[in-house]
Amino acid sequence: MKKIYSKNIVVLVSFGIVLAILWTTYSFSNKIKQDERTKMEILAKAYDRFGGADLDQDLSLEMKIIGSNDDIPMIVTDEKGKILMHRNLDSIKATDSAYLKNELELMRAQNKPIVVNYLKDKQNNIHYRDSNLLTRLKYYPLTLVIILILFSGVVYLIFKSNKISEQNKLWSGMAKETAHQIGTPLSSLLGWVELMKLQHIGPEIVPEIEKDVQRLNVIAERFSQIGSVPDLVDFDIVGLIKNTVLYFEARSSKNVHFNFRKPKKQIEVKINEQLFTWVLENLIKNAIDAMSGKGDLAIVVTSNRKFVKIRVSDSGKGMPRSQFKKVFVPGYTTKKRGWGLGLSLSKRIVEDYHNGKIQVLKSEVNSGTTFEVLLPRI
């Protein structure tokens, strides 16, 4: 609670500092704008006196004031709007009348013109726009906001990365502890299986019990590998899939019809046997659940020079396209029971550990779903 409170204080103070900077910049811009208006009004009076002065009158002060304007762009027009003179504009572009007209329109939009009598008995108008300093200062708050957004984004990404890292460490620790806890009763079960073998108790049942005990052992080893970089070895992917399919076929309802289509020859792929078997089991179990224990389940293995393709298709309830990516998000599930971690773990195993890809290839509501796994060839 104290940590959250401290973060809120930091956020509030940061926003307070930003608002203070923006307000200061705004006030400073207004002050410069007012100063430039005052300067142009003094300049206008100098032009006014210059236009109405006698030949023998001392105009050195007026000339000095007129010459002092070297930063504020200005255009002098007659009462009909004809351009008489200009200052502090691009000397090359100013030869183009269209450029001068555009500058004049900009000046009229930014500031109210100042009326002077530059020539006797004639009314002229001094138009001016903000100096380059004031223009840059106006964009400063926008630049500051952009920098603040980028900085906030970096801080958010760092915070999110640290949070994910902490969660990964927590999950890894829980997984390893689970593997450790399973190991104790598992060792005892293995001992009981051996004792049953020696005493010839249930010769038809013991082999199946042994398979399930071995499966528990595999599960424990899988959990122990979470958070570690797995070793990848050359393995016959066709044989691995075949064994997984046979295991589920022997333990599933007779109403689930398995169809396993594979190449005749072996296909060597670098995989971690235990972790990749986990992926296959997740896909097959999800397919059986989607069909509510009744339907057709097809596992098809094909390959080309670059990839091995494994497709698991079911005739279950399917899903809309909007869920194609959501199903891989940790915690997302459409089941009444479940943690929503199976497919997210599968994605991590396939893409992070095996440099492959897993996706929902196609799906239609009430027509079934096809998942596709791509593994790079050796």
Protein backbone atom coordinates (compact mmCIF):
# COMPACT_ATOMS: atom_id res chain seq x y z
CA MET A 1 0.00 0.00 0.00
CA LYS A 2 2.85 2.37 0.90
CA LYS A 3 4.56 1.53 -2.43
CA ILE A 4 1.42 2.42 -4.43
CA TYR A 5 1.02 5.64 -2.41
CA SER A 6 4.63 6.64 -3.17
CA LYS A 7 4.13 6.00 -6.89
CA ASN A 8 1.02 8.19 -6.87
CA ILE A 9 2.97 11.02 -5.22
CA VAL A 10 5.73 10.72 -7.84
CA VAL A 11 3.15 10.83 -10.66
CA LEU A 12 1.39 13.86 -9.17
CA VAL A 13 4.67 15.73 -8.60
CA SER A 14 5.77 14.95 -12.18
CA PHE A 15 2.52 16.29 -13.62
CA GLY A 16 2.80 19.34 -11.35
CA ILE A 17 6.29 20.08 -12.68
CA VAL A 18 5.13 19.68 -16.28
CA LEU A 19 2.14 21.97 -15.72
CA ALA A 20 4.40 24.55 -14.07
CA ILE A 21 6.78 24.47 -17.05
CA LEU A 22 3.88 24.78 -19.52
CA TRP A 23 2.37 27.70 -17.60
CA THR A 24 5.74 29.46 -17.35
CA THR A 25 6.31 28.98 -21.08
CA TYR A 26 2.81 30.30 -21.85
CA SER A 27 3.34 33.37 -19.66
CA PHE A 28 6.78 33.97 -21.15
CA SER A 29 5.36 33.74 -24.70
CA ASN A 30 2.63 36.25 -23.89
CA LYS A 31 5.20 38.63 -22.39
CA ILE A 32 7.40 38.46 -25.49
CA LYS A 33 4.34 38.96 -27.73
CA GLN A 34 3.37 42.08 -25.77
CA ASP A 35 6.95 43.38 -25.94
CA GLU A 36 7.01 42.85 -29.71
CA ARG A 37 3.70 44.73 -30.04
CA THR A 38 5.12 47.63 -28.01
CA LYS A 39 8.27 47.61 -30.13
CA MET A 40 6.22 47.76 -33.34
CA GLU A 41 4.08 50.59 -31.98
CA ILE A 42 7.23 52.59 -31.19
CA LEU A 43 8.50 51.72 -34.65
CA ALA A 44 5.21 52.94 -36.15
CA LYS A 45 5.54 56.27 -34.36
CA ALA A 46 9.04 56.60 -35.69
CA TYR A 47 7.77 56.02 -39.22
CA ASP A 48 4.95 58.47 -38.54
CA ARG A 49 7.33 61.23 -37.47
CA PHE A 50 9.71 60.38 -40.26
CA GLY A 51 6.94 60.79 -42.83
CA GLY A 52 5.76 64.14 -41.47
CA ALA A 53 9.13 65.69 -40.60
CA ASP A 54 10.66 68.83 -42.10
CA LEU A 55 13.86 68.64 -44.09
CA ASP A 56 15.91 70.40 -41.39
CA GLN A 57 14.52 68.34 -38.49
CA ASP A 58 16.86 65.99 -36.61
CA LEU A 59 15.63 62.43 -37.29
CA SER A 60 18.61 60.51 -35.91
CA LEU A 61 16.53 58.95 -33.10
CA GLU A 62 13.79 57.89 -35.51
CA MET A 63 16.34 56.39 -37.88
CA LYS A 64 17.93 54.53 -34.99
CA ILE A 65 14.54 53.12 -33.92
CA ILE A 66 13.68 52.07 -37.49
CA GLY A 67 17.08 50.45 -37.94
CA SER A 68 16.83 48.58 -34.64
CA ASN A 69 14.14 46.23 -35.96
CA ASP A 70 16.23 43.34 -37.24
CA ASP A 71 14.18 40.36 -36.00
CA ILE A 72 10.45 41.02 -36.47
CA PRO A 73 9.25 40.38 -40.07
CA MET A 74 7.10 43.26 -41.33
CA ILE A 75 5.36 44.57 -44.45
CA VAL A 76 4.12 48.11 -45.04
CA THR A 77 1.06 48.53 -47.28
CA ASP A 78 -0.94 51.52 -48.46
CA GLU A 79 -4.61 52.00 -47.64
CA LYS A 80 -5.56 49.83 -50.63
CA GLY A 81 -3.38 46.96 -49.48
CA LYS A 82 -0.56 47.42 -51.99
CA ILE A 83 2.83 46.36 -50.63
CA LEU A 84 5.17 49.33 -50.34
CA MET A 85 8.11 47.81 -48.48
CA HIS A 86 9.15 44.86 -46.31
CA ARG A 87 11.84 43.97 -43.79
CA ASN A 88 13.32 40.84 -42.17
CA LEU A 89 11.95 38.46 -44.78
CA ASP A 90 13.86 35.96 -46.89
CA SER A 91 15.61 38.19 -49.42
CA ILE A 92 15.54 35.58 -52.18
CA LYS A 93 11.92 34.50 -51.69
CA ALA A 94 10.80 38.11 -51.29
CA THR A 95 11.36 38.63 -55.03
CA ASP A 96 8.28 36.44 -55.59
CA SER A 97 5.00 38.37 -55.22
CA ALA A 98 3.13 35.21 -54.21
CA TYR A 99 5.51 34.74 -51.27
CA LEU A 100 4.89 38.33 -50.13
CA LYS A 101 1.12 37.88 -50.37
CA ASN A 102 1.27 34.71 -48.27
CA GLU A 103 3.41 36.46 -45.67
CA LEU A 104 0.97 39.36 -45.61
CA GLU A 105 -2.00 37.04 -45.01
CA LEU A 106 -0.07 35.34 -42.19
CA MET A 107 0.70 38.71 -40.59
CA ARG A 108 -2.94 39.80 -40.80
CA ALA A 109 -3.99 36.54 -39.12
CA GLN A 110 -1.47 36.88 -36.28
CA ASN A 111 -1.55 40.56 -35.38
CA LYS A 112 -3.70 43.64 -35.89
CA PRO A 113 -1.96 46.10 -38.23
CA ILE A 114 -0.70 49.45 -36.95
CA VAL A 115 -1.78 52.58 -38.87
CA VAL A 116 0.91 55.18 -39.74
CA ASN A 117 1.32 58.15 -42.05
CA TYR A 118 4.57 57.15 -43.65
CA LEU A 119 3.96 59.58 -46.49
CA LYS A 120 2.15 62.89 -46.00
CA ASP A 121 -1.63 62.78 -46.39
CA LYS A 122 -1.53 59.06 -46.98
CA GLN A 123 -2.52 56.30 -44.54
CA ASN A 124 -0.27 53.26 -44.46
CA ASN A 125 -0.45 50.02 -42.46
CA ILE A 126 2.39 48.16 -40.78
CA HIS A 127 1.76 44.43 -40.74
CA TYR A 128 4.01 42.13 -38.76
CA ARG A 129 4.20 38.55 -37.55
CA ASP A 130 5.83 36.84 -34.60
CA SER A 131 9.59 36.74 -34.53
CA ASN A 132 11.43 33.47 -35.03
CA LEU A 133 12.19 33.33 -31.29
CA LEU A 134 8.51 33.63 -30.38
CA THR A 135 7.53 31.06 -33.04
CA ARG A 136 10.02 28.54 -31.65
CA LEU A 137 8.86 29.29 -28.12
CA LYS A 138 5.26 28.49 -29.10
CA TYR A 139 6.30 25.02 -30.24
CA TYR A 140 8.32 24.40 -27.09
CA PRO A 141 5.33 23.13 -25.02
CA LEU A 142 4.42 20.69 -27.81
CA THR A 143 8.01 19.46 -27.91
CA LEU A 144 7.96 19.12 -24.14
CA VAL A 145 4.71 17.12 -24.25
CA ILE A 146 6.13 14.79 -26.93
CA ILE A 147 9.29 14.25 -24.87
CA LEU A 148 7.14 13.62 -21.80
CA ILE A 149 5.03 11.06 -23.69
CA LEU A 150 8.15 9.29 -24.98
CA PHE A 151 9.72 9.35 -21.53
CA SER A 152 6.50 8.02 -19.98
CA GLY A 153 6.42 5.27 -22.60
CA VAL A 154 9.99 4.25 -21.79
CA VAL A 155 9.25 4.26 -18.04
CA TYR A 156 6.08 2.21 -18.63
CA LEU A 157 7.95 -0.34 -20.76
CA ILE A 158 10.69 -0.64 -18.14
CA PHE A 159 8.11 -1.03 -15.37
CA LYS A 160 6.13 -3.56 -17.39
CA SER A 161 9.29 -5.49 -18.26
CA ASN A 162 10.30 -5.63 -14.60
CA LYS A 163 6.80 -6.74 -13.63
CA ILE A 164 6.80 -9.49 -16.25
CA SER A 165 10.27 -10.55 -15.12
CA GLU A 166 9.03 -10.76 -11.52
CA GLN A 167 5.98 -12.78 -12.61
CA ASN A 168 8.17 -15.13 -14.65
CA LYS A 169 10.43 -15.68 -11.65
CA LEU A 170 7.39 -16.34 -9.48
CA TRP A 171 5.92 -18.82 -11.96
CA SER A 172 9.30 -20.51 -12.42
CA GLY A 173 9.73 -20.83 -8.67
CA MET A 174 6.21 -22.24 -8.26
CA ALA A 175 6.76 -24.69 -11.12
CA LYS A 176 10.05 -25.95 -9.69
CA GLU A 177 8.50 -26.26 -6.22
CA THR A 178 5.58 -28.21 -7.74
CA ALA A 179 8.03 -30.57 -9.45
CA HIS A 180 9.84 -31.03 -6.16
CA GLN A 181 6.60 -31.77 -4.28
CA ILE A 182 5.43 -34.25 -6.93
CA GLY A 183 8.78 -36.04 -6.77
CA THR A 184 8.29 -37.41 -3.23
CA PRO A 185 5.03 -39.36 -3.72
CA LEU A 186 6.13 -40.26 -7.24
CA SER A 187 9.18 -42.10 -5.93
CA SER A 188 6.91 -43.99 -3.54
CA LEU A 189 4.53 -44.94 -6.37
CA LEU A 190 7.41 -46.25 -8.45
CA GLY A 191 8.43 -48.42 -5.52
CA TRP A 192 4.88 -49.79 -5.15
CA VAL A 193 4.74 -50.60 -8.88
CA GLU A 194 7.97 -52.57 -8.64
CA LEU A 195 6.63 -54.43 -5.60
CA MET A 196 3.42 -55.32 -7.48
CA LYS A 197 5.54 -56.65 -10.34
CA LEU A 198 7.57 -58.86 -8.01
CA GLN A 199 4.44 -60.26 -6.37
CA HIS A 200 2.69 -60.70 -9.76
CA ILE A 201 -0.29 -58.61 -8.64
CA GLY A 202 -2.59 -57.55 -11.50
CA PRO A 203 -0.26 -58.40 -14.39
CA GLU A 204 -2.70 -56.76 -16.84
CA ILE A 205 -3.18 -53.61 -14.76
CA VAL A 206 0.39 -52.94 -13.59
CA PRO A 207 1.74 -51.98 -17.07
CA GLU A 208 -0.97 -49.31 -17.43
CA ILE A 209 -0.32 -48.03 -13.91
CA GLU A 210 3.36 -47.91 -14.77
CA LYS A 211 2.63 -45.83 -17.86
CA ASP A 212 0.67 -43.32 -15.82
CA VAL A 213 3.39 -43.18 -13.17
CA GLN A 214 5.98 -42.58 -15.87
CA ARG A 215 3.73 -39.88 -17.24
CA LEU A 216 3.66 -38.21 -13.83
CA ASN A 217 7.42 -38.35 -13.83
CA VAL A 218 7.50 -36.65 -17.24
CA ILE A 219 5.13 -33.93 -15.97
CA ALA A 220 7.37 -33.32 -12.96
CA GLU A 221 10.41 -32.99 -15.23
CA ARG A 222 8.52 -30.53 -17.44
CA PHE A 223 7.73 -28.29 -14.50
CA SER A 224 11.34 -28.43 -13.37
CA GLN A 225 12.45 -27.05 -16.77
CA ILE A 226 10.23 -23.95 -16.68
CA GLY A 227 12.37 -20.82 -16.49
CA SER A 228 15.45 -22.62 -17.84
CA VAL A 229 16.76 -22.77 -21.40
CA PRO A 230 15.92 -26.30 -22.61
CA ASP A 231 18.32 -28.52 -24.52
CA LEU A 232 17.27 -29.26 -28.10
CA VAL A 233 18.33 -32.55 -29.68
CA ASP A 234 17.69 -34.25 -33.00
CA PHE A 235 14.48 -36.24 -32.66
CA ASP A 236 12.05 -38.12 -34.89
CA ILE A 237 9.01 -35.84 -34.71
CA VAL A 238 6.76 -38.39 -36.45
CA GLY A 239 7.46 -41.07 -33.85
CA LEU A 240 6.94 -38.59 -31.01
CA ILE A 241 3.53 -37.51 -32.35
CA LYS A 242 2.53 -41.12 -32.98
CA ASN A 243 3.26 -42.13 -29.37
CA THR A 244 1.31 -39.12 -28.04
CA VAL A 245 -1.68 -39.91 -30.26
CA LEU A 246 -1.67 -43.59 -29.18
CA TYR A 247 -1.56 -42.57 -25.52
CA PHE A 248 -4.63 -40.34 -25.85
CA GLU A 249 -6.46 -42.77 -28.11
CA ALA A 250 -6.18 -45.51 -25.47
CA ARG A 251 -7.54 -43.19 -22.76
CA SER A 252 -10.23 -41.26 -24.63
CA SER A 253 -13.87 -42.01 -25.28
CA LYS A 254 -14.68 -44.38 -28.12
CA ASN A 255 -16.80 -41.55 -29.52
CA VAL A 256 -13.62 -39.64 -30.38
CA HIS A 257 -12.33 -40.85 -33.74
CA PHE A 258 -8.59 -40.29 -34.18
CA ASN A 259 -7.11 -39.89 -37.66
CA PHE A 260 -3.32 -39.65 -37.76
CA ARG A 261 -1.79 -38.96 -41.17
CA LYS A 262 1.99 -38.94 -41.43
CA PRO A 263 4.87 -39.37 -43.90
CA LYS A 264 6.28 -42.88 -44.25
CA LYS A 265 9.84 -41.83 -43.38
CA GLN A 266 11.23 -40.26 -40.23
CA ILE A 267 11.62 -36.49 -39.96
CA GLU A 268 14.48 -35.27 -37.77
CA VAL A 269 13.85 -31.98 -35.97
CA LYS A 270 15.73 -30.27 -33.12
CA ILE A 271 13.29 -30.30 -30.19
CA ASN A 272 13.06 -30.82 -26.46
CA GLU A 273 11.06 -34.05 -26.22
CA GLN A 274 9.33 -33.35 -22.92
CA LEU A 275 8.35 -29.75 -23.64
CA PHE A 276 7.17 -30.37 -27.19
CA THR A 277 5.11 -33.38 -26.06
CA TRP A 278 3.43 -30.92 -23.68
CA VAL A 279 2.43 -28.78 -26.68
CA LEU A 280 0.94 -31.78 -28.49
CA GLU A 281 -0.96 -32.86 -25.38
CA ASN A 282 -2.40 -29.35 -24.90
CA LEU A 283 -3.61 -29.22 -28.50
CA ILE A 284 -5.13 -32.71 -28.40
CA LYS A 285 -6.81 -32.17 -24.99
CA ASN A 286 -8.24 -28.85 -26.15
CA ALA A 287 -9.58 -30.52 -29.29
CA ILE A 288 -11.27 -33.28 -27.26
CA ASP A 289 -12.75 -30.71 -24.86
CA ALA A 290 -14.02 -28.59 -27.78
CA MET A 291 -15.90 -31.65 -29.09
CA SER A 292 -17.26 -32.50 -25.60
CA GLY A 293 -15.74 -35.97 -25.97
CA LYS A 294 -17.46 -36.80 -29.25
CA GLY A 295 -16.30 -36.12 -32.82
CA ASP A 296 -13.44 -36.41 -35.31
CA LEU A 297 -9.88 -35.46 -34.40
CA ALA A 298 -7.26 -35.33 -37.15
CA ILE A 299 -3.50 -34.93 -36.70
CA VAL A 300 -1.66 -34.33 -39.99
CA VAL A 301 2.13 -34.09 -40.37
CA THR A 302 3.71 -32.72 -43.55
CA SER A 303 7.07 -31.18 -44.35
CA ASN A 304 9.02 -29.19 -46.92
CA ARG A 305 12.60 -27.95 -47.10
CA LYS A 306 12.10 -25.25 -44.49
CA PHE A 307 9.42 -26.42 -42.07
CA VAL A 308 7.61 -29.33 -40.53
CA LYS A 309 3.87 -28.63 -40.36
CA ILE A 310 1.71 -30.20 -37.70
CA ARG A 311 -2.03 -29.57 -37.90
CA VAL A 312 -4.51 -30.61 -35.22
CA SER A 313 -8.12 -30.35 -36.36
CA ASP A 314 -11.35 -31.08 -34.49
CA SER A 315 -15.05 -31.03 -35.30
CA GLY A 316 -15.96 -29.11 -32.14
CA LYS A 317 -17.66 -25.83 -31.37
CA GLY A 318 -15.07 -23.64 -33.10
CA MET A 319 -14.45 -19.96 -32.42
CA PRO A 320 -14.91 -16.56 -34.11
CA ARG A 321 -11.91 -14.91 -35.80
CA SER A 322 -11.75 -12.32 -33.00
CA GLN A 323 -10.52 -15.07 -30.64
CA PHE A 324 -7.72 -16.40 -32.88
CA LYS A 325 -5.04 -14.43 -31.00
CA LYS A 326 -6.80 -14.14 -27.64
CA VAL A 327 -6.59 -17.91 -27.01
CA PHE A 328 -2.81 -17.54 -26.61
CA VAL A 329 -3.08 -14.78 -23.99
CA PRO A 330 -2.28 -16.04 -20.45
CA GLY A 331 -5.45 -16.38 -18.38
CA TYR A 332 -7.84 -16.31 -21.35
CA THR A 333 -10.16 -19.33 -21.46
CA THR A 334 -13.66 -20.19 -22.66
CA LYS A 335 -13.92 -23.19 -20.34
CA LYS A 336 -15.76 -23.20 -17.04
CA ARG A 337 -12.70 -24.85 -15.50
CA GLY A 338 -9.11 -24.07 -16.28
CA TRP A 339 -6.43 -21.45 -15.81
CA GLY A 340 -6.10 -20.44 -19.47
CA LEU A 341 -2.37 -21.25 -19.47
CA GLY A 342 -2.15 -24.29 -21.77
CA LEU A 343 -2.02 -22.48 -25.11
CA SER A 344 0.05 -19.58 -23.76
CA LEU A 345 2.64 -22.09 -22.53
CA SER A 346 2.47 -23.89 -25.85
CA LYS A 347 3.14 -20.64 -27.70
CA ARG A 348 6.13 -19.90 -25.51
CA ILE A 349 7.53 -23.42 -25.95
CA VAL A 350 7.10 -23.38 -29.74
CA GLU A 351 8.18 -19.80 -30.49
CA ASP A 352 10.68 -18.94 -27.74
CA TYR A 353 12.34 -22.32 -27.26
CA HIS A 354 12.00 -23.94 -30.70
CA ASN A 355 12.03 -20.85 -32.99
CA GLY A 356 8.79 -22.07 -34.55
CA LYS A 357 5.29 -20.70 -34.88
CA ILE A 358 1.87 -21.73 -33.58
CA GLN A 359 -1.42 -20.26 -34.75
CA VAL A 360 -5.10 -20.86 -35.27
CA LEU A 361 -5.06 -21.72 -38.97
CA LYS A 362 -8.83 -21.69 -39.39
CA SER A 363 -11.99 -22.02 -37.34
CA GLU A 364 -15.73 -21.71 -37.79
CA VAL A 365 -18.35 -21.62 -35.08
CA ASN A 366 -19.98 -25.07 -34.69
CA SER A 367 -17.72 -26.47 -37.44
CA GLY A 368 -14.37 -27.03 -35.73
CA THR A 369 -10.89 -25.57 -35.38
CA THR A 370 -7.48 -26.26 -36.88
CA PHE A 371 -4.26 -25.35 -35.06
CA GLU A 372 -1.00 -25.30 -36.98
CA VAL A 373 2.52 -25.67 -35.58
CA LEU A 374 5.55 -24.87 -37.75
CA LEU A 375 8.99 -26.14 -36.75
CA PRO A 376 12.19 -25.25 -38.65
CA ARG A 377 13.96 -28.19 -40.32
CA ILE A 378 17.46 -29.17 -39.28
